[in-house]
Amino acid sequence: MKLVMAQTNLTLKGGAERVLLKIAQRYDAKIYTVEYDKNRTFSEFKDLDVELVGKTTATKLLPYGRVAQGLNYGLSFYNLKLKDDYDVINAHMAPSHWIRNKNERVLWYCHTPLRDIYDLYEYRLSLRKPHQRPVYIMGAKFVKGIDRQVVKKIERIVANSNNTNSRIKRYYGINNAKVLNGGIDYENYRDNGDGKYFIYVSRISPNKRQDMAIKAFNIFKKRIKGYRLLLVGPVSKDKFYYDYYQDMVELAKIVKDVEFVLSPSDAVLRKLYSRCTASLYPPMNEDYGLVPLESMASKKPVIAVKEGGPAETILNNRTGYLVNNAEEMAQKMIYLAEHPKIAESMGKLGRKRVETNYSWDKFFKGFDKELRQVAKLK
């Protein structure tokens, strides 16, 4: 199988990048991307064939930011005509799937449709100043038109979760997408006891709601002393995200005992998981989320918001807790801190759940089948 892959950027260490890496390694695939930072994403990409595409004329006139970034991603793939000999193109994070405009036989592994113009549209619009909103509305309408036109051409869509699949149905009217959950290398994770800290692993972003984790910890520490909260993940150089990170730093100073661990290595991250009391996971309607699986693989319970992907992977009251707000999150943190045997029991069940349901072997059994279906269409 000659596989070519399309990905918007390789600039962070996230769940989507991890899935992309595992697929590329399995098929020795060539990767086309618009941005590539070897020092900020997984080092294993250095051993693969990664080629940069773009930058478009339109985006060269704009300062670096969300608008220029999004336009560059979309137009770069929309205008790209491949010369490679390939069986299938495997697109990943939107709008890399726009590569279907000038190329055939595309399998889109959809991490989510473009959230800024679909499920997070109202939220993103509310963050704009009044004079910016008309431009955002027109821009979103323009992008949505192109997006839907391209999606109609795509031969096959595979969703990373039932949550993502529900968005595909809602926004595209497509009802035959297959759901394949990404896996993890669970054998690399260990439980090394309780170091009396909670951990939240995610890129720093408003929709990841680090502020909720800090608020929950602030409630927790009024009842239980001697614990810390670790916020672990990368920070984008984009001003939109970096400003939020600065706000969280200031909030952490007020609450105290909150620490940031920015872009740790895989080995350090696994060590942090191995010693936590439990992990927190409060992102806004997360597409899927590998973090709860990594926590469970480390035999640690997860306290997550009851929405999106975590509601699919976490068994409430068995491998962790699904909560509705910071107050409920804090109460579960208190309970686990006061009942270590229950936390231990939840962790063991979580590990068993991951081994049974979220292995890479299981993922690739389904993914291989989907690739063959698209390849047969040539």
Protein backbone atom coordinates (compact mmCIF):
# COMPACT_ATOMS: atom_id res chain seq x y z
CA MET A 1 0.00 0.00 0.00
CA LYS A 2 1.54 3.29 -1.14
CA LEU A 3 0.19 5.86 1.27
CA VAL A 4 0.51 9.64 1.12
CA MET A 5 -0.59 11.67 4.14
CA ALA A 6 -1.83 15.25 4.51
CA GLN A 7 -1.66 17.13 7.82
CA THR A 8 -2.12 20.84 8.52
CA ASN A 9 0.92 21.15 10.78
CA LEU A 10 3.49 19.25 12.81
CA THR A 11 4.25 21.79 15.51
CA LEU A 12 2.97 20.17 18.71
CA LYS A 13 2.87 16.89 20.60
CA GLY A 14 -0.83 16.05 20.64
CA GLY A 15 -3.17 13.13 20.18
CA ALA A 16 -3.74 13.81 16.48
CA GLU A 17 -0.01 14.01 15.84
CA ARG A 18 0.49 10.73 17.69
CA VAL A 19 -2.08 8.93 15.51
CA LEU A 20 -0.57 10.42 12.36
CA LEU A 21 2.90 9.25 13.42
CA LYS A 22 1.79 5.67 14.08
CA ILE A 23 0.07 5.43 10.67
CA ALA A 24 3.04 6.98 8.83
CA GLN A 25 5.46 4.57 10.52
CA ARG A 26 3.33 1.54 9.67
CA TYR A 27 3.09 2.37 5.95
CA ASP A 28 6.37 4.26 5.54
CA ALA A 29 4.18 7.07 4.21
CA LYS A 30 5.19 10.44 2.84
CA ILE A 31 3.67 13.37 4.77
CA TYR A 32 2.68 16.71 3.28
CA THR A 33 2.28 19.51 5.80
CA VAL A 34 2.22 23.31 5.82
CA GLU A 35 4.18 23.87 9.05
CA TYR A 36 6.83 21.62 10.57
CA ASP A 37 8.80 22.35 13.74
CA LYS A 38 11.13 19.42 14.43
CA ASN A 39 11.87 20.61 17.93
CA ARG A 40 8.25 20.96 19.10
CA THR A 41 6.60 17.84 17.72
CA PHE A 42 7.51 14.16 18.12
CA SER A 43 11.16 13.53 17.26
CA GLU A 44 10.28 10.35 15.31
CA PHE A 45 8.98 12.50 12.44
CA LYS A 46 12.64 13.22 11.63
CA ASP A 47 12.97 9.63 10.40
CA LEU A 48 10.05 10.01 7.97
CA ASP A 49 9.64 11.75 4.60
CA VAL A 50 8.04 15.09 5.46
CA GLU A 51 7.56 17.71 2.74
CA LEU A 52 6.36 21.29 3.24
CA VAL A 53 3.70 22.85 1.01
CA GLY A 54 2.48 26.51 0.79
CA LYS A 55 2.81 29.34 1.63
CA THR A 56 0.04 30.99 -0.39
CA THR A 57 0.25 34.53 -1.74
CA ALA A 58 -2.85 35.63 0.17
CA THR A 59 -1.45 34.62 3.56
CA LYS A 60 1.93 36.26 2.97
CA LEU A 61 0.17 39.62 3.26
CA LEU A 62 -1.27 38.81 6.69
CA PRO A 63 0.49 38.76 10.09
CA TYR A 64 0.96 35.35 11.69
CA GLY A 65 -2.19 34.39 13.54
CA ARG A 66 -5.30 32.24 13.42
CA VAL A 67 -6.71 33.86 10.24
CA ALA A 68 -3.49 33.70 8.22
CA GLN A 69 -2.75 30.23 9.56
CA GLY A 70 -6.17 28.87 8.64
CA LEU A 71 -6.11 30.40 5.16
CA ASN A 72 -2.64 29.06 4.53
CA TYR A 73 -3.60 25.54 5.58
CA GLY A 74 -6.77 25.48 3.53
CA LEU A 75 -5.50 27.09 0.33
CA SER A 76 -2.25 25.13 0.37
CA PHE A 77 -4.09 21.81 0.26
CA TYR A 78 -6.94 23.07 -1.93
CA ASN A 79 -4.47 24.02 -4.67
CA LEU A 80 -2.07 21.08 -4.26
CA LYS A 81 -1.86 18.61 -7.13
CA LEU A 82 0.25 15.60 -6.20
CA LYS A 83 2.75 14.06 -8.60
CA ASP A 84 3.36 11.03 -6.40
CA ASP A 85 2.43 7.51 -7.37
CA TYR A 86 0.07 6.47 -4.57
CA ASP A 87 -2.80 4.12 -3.73
CA VAL A 88 -4.52 6.30 -1.13
CA ILE A 89 -4.21 9.80 0.33
CA ASN A 90 -4.85 9.80 4.08
CA ALA A 91 -5.86 13.28 5.27
CA HIS A 92 -5.96 14.21 8.95
CA MET A 93 -6.66 17.47 10.76
CA ALA A 94 -9.02 19.82 8.91
CA PRO A 95 -8.59 21.45 6.45
CA SER A 96 -5.92 19.04 5.17
CA HIS A 97 -8.83 17.09 3.63
CA TRP A 98 -9.12 19.93 1.07
CA ILE A 99 -6.39 18.02 -0.76
CA ARG A 100 -9.33 16.17 -2.34
CA ASN A 101 -10.02 19.21 -4.55
CA LYS A 102 -7.35 18.22 -7.10
CA ASN A 103 -6.58 14.63 -6.06
CA GLU A 104 -8.56 11.40 -5.87
CA ARG A 105 -8.77 8.40 -3.54
CA VAL A 106 -8.83 10.25 -0.22
CA LEU A 107 -9.50 8.59 3.12
CA TRP A 108 -10.10 11.36 5.66
CA TYR A 109 -9.36 10.28 9.23
CA CYS A 110 -11.47 13.02 10.73
CA HIS A 111 -10.35 14.26 14.13
CA THR A 112 -13.18 16.80 13.82
CA PRO A 113 -14.74 19.06 11.21
CA LEU A 114 -13.43 22.65 11.46
CA ARG A 115 -14.64 23.64 14.91
CA ASP A 116 -14.30 27.39 14.39
CA ILE A 117 -17.03 27.35 11.74
CA TYR A 118 -19.20 24.56 13.13
CA ASP A 119 -19.67 23.51 16.77
CA LEU A 120 -17.49 26.29 18.27
CA TYR A 121 -18.70 28.97 15.87
CA GLU A 122 -20.83 30.90 18.40
CA TYR A 123 -18.12 30.61 21.06
CA ARG A 124 -15.39 31.89 18.72
CA LEU A 125 -17.67 34.69 17.50
CA SER A 126 -18.31 35.81 21.09
CA LEU A 127 -14.56 36.28 21.61
CA ARG A 128 -14.38 38.84 18.77
CA LYS A 129 -14.79 42.55 19.31
CA PRO A 130 -17.99 44.03 17.80
CA HIS A 131 -16.18 45.51 14.79
CA GLN A 132 -14.50 42.17 14.05
CA ARG A 133 -17.66 40.07 14.00
CA PRO A 134 -19.00 40.95 10.51
CA VAL A 135 -15.66 39.90 8.97
CA TYR A 136 -15.67 36.67 10.98
CA ILE A 137 -19.24 35.87 9.91
CA MET A 138 -18.45 36.42 6.22
CA GLY A 139 -15.19 34.50 6.46
CA ALA A 140 -16.84 31.54 8.18
CA LYS A 141 -19.56 31.43 5.52
CA PHE A 142 -16.94 31.45 2.74
CA VAL A 143 -14.85 28.67 4.35
CA LYS A 144 -17.94 26.59 5.09
CA GLY A 145 -18.94 26.73 1.44
CA ILE A 146 -15.57 25.45 0.25
CA ASP A 147 -15.43 22.85 2.99
CA ARG A 148 -18.78 21.27 2.15
CA GLN A 149 -18.04 21.33 -1.57
CA VAL A 150 -14.77 19.41 -1.01
CA VAL A 151 -16.25 16.93 1.48
CA LYS A 152 -18.82 15.82 -1.13
CA LYS A 153 -15.92 14.47 -3.24
CA ILE A 154 -14.14 12.51 -0.50
CA GLU A 155 -14.28 8.75 -1.07
CA ARG A 156 -14.23 7.65 2.57
CA ILE A 157 -14.44 9.29 6.01
CA VAL A 158 -13.34 7.60 9.23
CA ALA A 159 -14.12 9.37 12.52
CA ASN A 160 -11.94 9.12 15.61
CA SER A 161 -14.95 8.92 17.94
CA ASN A 162 -18.73 8.76 18.08
CA ASN A 163 -18.66 12.42 19.08
CA THR A 164 -16.80 13.38 15.90
CA ASN A 165 -19.09 11.14 13.87
CA SER A 166 -22.11 13.01 15.23
CA ARG A 167 -20.58 16.27 13.94
CA ILE A 168 -20.00 14.68 10.52
CA LYS A 169 -23.67 13.72 10.39
CA ARG A 170 -24.86 17.11 11.65
CA TYR A 171 -22.74 19.39 9.48
CA TYR A 172 -22.25 17.31 6.32
CA GLY A 173 -25.29 15.05 6.29
CA ILE A 174 -23.01 12.01 5.90
CA ASN A 175 -24.25 8.91 7.72
CA ASN A 176 -21.82 6.18 6.62
CA ALA A 177 -18.58 7.28 8.32
CA LYS A 178 -16.80 4.50 10.20
CA VAL A 179 -15.65 5.08 13.80
CA LEU A 180 -12.12 3.94 14.68
CA ASN A 181 -10.72 5.02 18.02
CA GLY A 182 -7.01 5.82 18.13
CA GLY A 183 -4.90 3.53 20.27
CA ILE A 184 -2.01 3.98 22.66
CA ASP A 185 1.17 2.06 23.50
CA TYR A 186 -0.20 1.04 26.89
CA GLU A 187 2.74 -1.24 27.64
CA ASN A 188 4.93 1.87 28.06
CA TYR A 189 2.89 3.23 30.99
CA ARG A 190 3.45 2.40 34.66
CA ASP A 191 1.97 3.10 38.09
CA ASN A 192 4.65 4.28 40.53
CA GLY A 193 2.46 5.27 43.44
CA ASP A 194 0.83 8.49 44.59
CA GLY A 195 2.96 11.63 44.53
CA LYS A 196 0.08 13.79 45.83
CA TYR A 197 -0.60 15.83 42.72
CA PHE A 198 -3.24 16.04 40.04
CA ILE A 199 -2.28 16.37 36.39
CA TYR A 200 -4.01 17.90 33.40
CA VAL A 201 -2.32 17.14 30.07
CA SER A 202 -3.34 19.26 27.09
CA ARG A 203 -2.15 22.10 24.88
CA ILE A 204 -2.81 25.44 26.55
CA SER A 205 -5.96 26.87 24.96
CA PRO A 206 -9.25 28.51 26.05
CA ASN A 207 -11.34 25.60 24.74
CA LYS A 208 -9.17 23.18 26.77
CA ARG A 209 -10.29 25.08 29.89
CA GLN A 210 -7.19 25.03 32.05
CA ASP A 211 -9.04 27.68 34.06
CA MET A 212 -11.62 25.06 35.10
CA ALA A 213 -8.88 22.75 36.35
CA ILE A 214 -7.34 25.58 38.38
CA LYS A 215 -10.73 26.56 39.80
CA ALA A 216 -11.43 22.95 40.82
CA PHE A 217 -8.02 22.67 42.46
CA ASN A 218 -8.62 25.92 44.35
CA ILE A 219 -11.81 24.44 45.82
CA PHE A 220 -10.02 21.17 46.57
CA LYS A 221 -7.10 22.75 48.44
CA LYS A 222 -9.44 24.54 50.85
CA ARG A 223 -10.32 21.08 52.14
CA ILE A 224 -7.16 19.02 51.49
CA LYS A 225 -3.60 20.32 52.00
CA GLY A 226 -0.27 19.16 50.62
CA TYR A 227 -1.24 18.56 46.98
CA ARG A 228 -0.19 20.22 43.71
CA LEU A 229 -1.76 20.68 40.30
CA LEU A 230 0.43 20.18 37.22
CA LEU A 231 -0.70 21.69 33.92
CA VAL A 232 1.23 19.85 31.24
CA GLY A 233 1.39 20.61 27.54
CA PRO A 234 2.61 22.88 24.73
CA VAL A 235 1.93 26.57 24.21
CA SER A 236 1.43 27.91 20.70
CA LYS A 237 3.31 31.03 19.59
CA ASP A 238 0.00 32.33 18.24
CA LYS A 239 -0.98 35.41 20.29
CA PHE A 240 -4.53 34.10 20.79
CA TYR A 241 -3.22 31.07 22.70
CA TYR A 242 -0.19 32.69 24.30
CA ASP A 243 -2.30 35.43 25.87
CA TYR A 244 -4.49 32.76 27.44
CA TYR A 245 -1.39 31.00 28.78
CA GLN A 246 -0.24 34.26 30.40
CA ASP A 247 -3.67 34.64 32.01
CA MET A 248 -3.40 31.13 33.41
CA VAL A 249 0.07 31.85 34.80
CA GLU A 250 -1.35 34.83 36.68
CA LEU A 251 -4.29 32.78 37.96
CA ALA A 252 -1.90 30.05 39.12
CA LYS A 253 0.06 32.60 41.14
CA ILE A 254 -3.11 33.57 42.99
CA VAL A 255 -4.21 30.00 43.72
CA LYS A 256 -0.66 28.71 44.47
CA ASP A 257 0.69 25.14 44.21
CA VAL A 258 -0.11 25.16 40.48
CA GLU A 259 2.83 24.37 38.19
CA PHE A 260 3.27 24.37 34.40
CA VAL A 261 5.31 21.69 32.64
CA LEU A 262 5.62 22.83 29.04
CA SER A 263 6.19 20.32 26.22
CA PRO A 264 7.85 17.50 28.22
CA SER A 265 9.44 14.51 26.52
CA ASP A 266 7.44 11.30 26.28
CA ALA A 267 9.54 9.76 29.04
CA VAL A 268 8.95 12.69 31.39
CA LEU A 269 5.23 12.73 30.60
CA ARG A 270 4.87 9.03 31.38
CA LYS A 271 6.73 9.59 34.66
CA LEU A 272 4.34 12.41 35.57
CA TYR A 273 1.35 10.16 34.89
CA SER A 274 2.88 7.35 36.94
CA ARG A 275 2.98 9.37 40.16
CA CYS A 276 -0.22 11.40 39.98
CA THR A 277 -3.20 10.85 42.27
CA ALA A 278 -5.55 11.19 39.30
CA SER A 279 -5.76 13.11 36.06
CA LEU A 280 -8.19 15.91 35.26
CA TYR A 281 -9.71 16.44 31.83
CA PRO A 282 -12.06 19.42 31.35
CA PRO A 283 -11.78 20.40 27.63
CA MET A 284 -14.81 21.78 25.83
CA ASN A 285 -16.63 18.97 24.01
CA GLU A 286 -13.35 17.21 23.16
CA ASP A 287 -13.32 15.36 19.84
CA TYR A 288 -11.88 12.14 21.30
CA GLY A 289 -8.90 12.58 23.63
CA LEU A 290 -5.99 10.20 24.19
CA VAL A 291 -5.22 11.69 27.62
CA PRO A 292 -7.87 9.67 29.50
CA LEU A 293 -6.48 6.51 27.89
CA GLU A 294 -2.92 7.43 28.89
CA SER A 295 -4.09 8.04 32.43
CA MET A 296 -5.94 4.73 32.61
CA ALA A 297 -2.93 2.94 31.09
CA SER A 298 -0.97 4.34 34.07
CA LYS A 299 -3.59 2.87 36.42
CA LYS A 300 -4.83 6.31 37.36
CA PRO A 301 -8.49 7.36 37.53
CA VAL A 302 -9.70 10.24 35.34
CA ILE A 303 -12.02 13.07 36.37
CA ALA A 304 -13.39 14.55 33.15
CA VAL A 305 -16.24 16.72 31.96
CA LYS A 306 -19.29 14.77 30.87
CA GLU A 307 -19.15 15.76 27.21
CA GLY A 308 -17.42 14.71 24.01
CA GLY A 309 -14.92 11.88 23.72
CA PRO A 310 -14.28 11.32 27.46
CA ALA A 311 -17.93 10.31 27.89
CA GLU A 312 -17.18 7.41 25.52
CA THR A 313 -13.88 6.19 26.95
CA ILE A 314 -14.38 6.67 30.71
CA LEU A 315 -16.69 4.34 32.64
CA ASN A 316 -18.33 6.65 35.19
CA ASN A 317 -17.75 5.56 38.81
CA ARG A 318 -15.61 2.65 37.58
CA THR A 319 -12.50 3.96 35.78
CA GLY A 320 -13.08 7.58 36.77
CA TYR A 321 -15.76 10.22 37.07
CA LEU A 322 -17.75 12.32 34.61
CA VAL A 323 -18.67 15.71 36.03
CA ASN A 324 -20.53 18.83 34.94
CA ASN A 325 -18.53 21.68 36.48
CA ALA A 326 -15.52 22.70 38.56
CA GLU A 327 -17.36 22.18 41.86
CA GLU A 328 -18.19 18.57 41.00
CA MET A 329 -14.64 18.01 39.78
CA ALA A 330 -13.27 19.28 43.09
CA GLN A 331 -15.56 17.00 45.10
CA LYS A 332 -14.31 13.94 43.19
CA MET A 333 -10.72 15.06 43.70
CA ILE A 334 -11.39 15.28 47.45
CA TYR A 335 -13.00 11.84 47.45
CA LEU A 336 -10.07 10.16 45.68
CA ALA A 337 -7.54 11.88 47.93
CA GLU A 338 -9.42 10.60 50.98
CA HIS A 339 -10.00 7.09 49.54
CA PRO A 340 -6.71 5.89 47.99
CA LYS A 341 -7.87 2.26 47.82
CA ILE A 342 -10.78 3.24 45.60
CA ALA A 343 -8.44 5.26 43.37
CA GLU A 344 -6.20 2.19 43.13
CA SER A 345 -9.11 -0.08 42.23
CA MET A 346 -10.33 2.35 39.55
CA GLY A 347 -6.84 2.55 38.11
CA LYS A 348 -6.56 -1.22 37.73
CA LEU A 349 -9.91 -1.44 35.96
CA GLY A 350 -8.91 1.45 33.69
CA ARG A 351 -5.73 -0.32 32.66
CA LYS A 352 -7.69 -3.46 31.80
CA ARG A 353 -10.16 -1.41 29.75
CA VAL A 354 -7.35 0.16 27.71
CA GLU A 355 -5.65 -3.16 27.03
CA THR A 356 -8.93 -4.66 25.82
CA ASN A 357 -10.31 -1.80 23.74
CA TYR A 358 -7.61 0.67 22.71
CA SER A 359 -4.64 -1.21 21.30
CA TRP A 360 -2.95 -0.20 18.03
CA ASP A 361 -3.46 -3.75 16.76
CA LYS A 362 -7.20 -3.28 17.03
CA PHE A 363 -7.01 0.13 15.36
CA PHE A 364 -4.98 -1.05 12.39
CA LYS A 365 -7.17 -4.08 11.81
CA GLY A 366 -9.98 -1.67 11.00
CA PHE A 367 -7.83 0.99 9.35
CA ASP A 368 -6.25 -1.47 6.89
CA LYS A 369 -9.72 -2.51 5.77
CA GLU A 370 -10.79 1.10 5.18
CA LEU A 371 -7.66 1.84 3.14
CA ARG A 372 -8.27 -1.15 0.89
CA GLN A 373 -11.83 -0.02 0.25
CA VAL A 374 -10.60 3.38 -1.01
CA ALA A 375 -7.74 1.87 -3.02
CA LYS A 376 -10.19 -0.37 -4.90
CA LEU A 377 -11.97 2.72 -6.23
CA LYS A 378 -9.05 3.76 -8.45
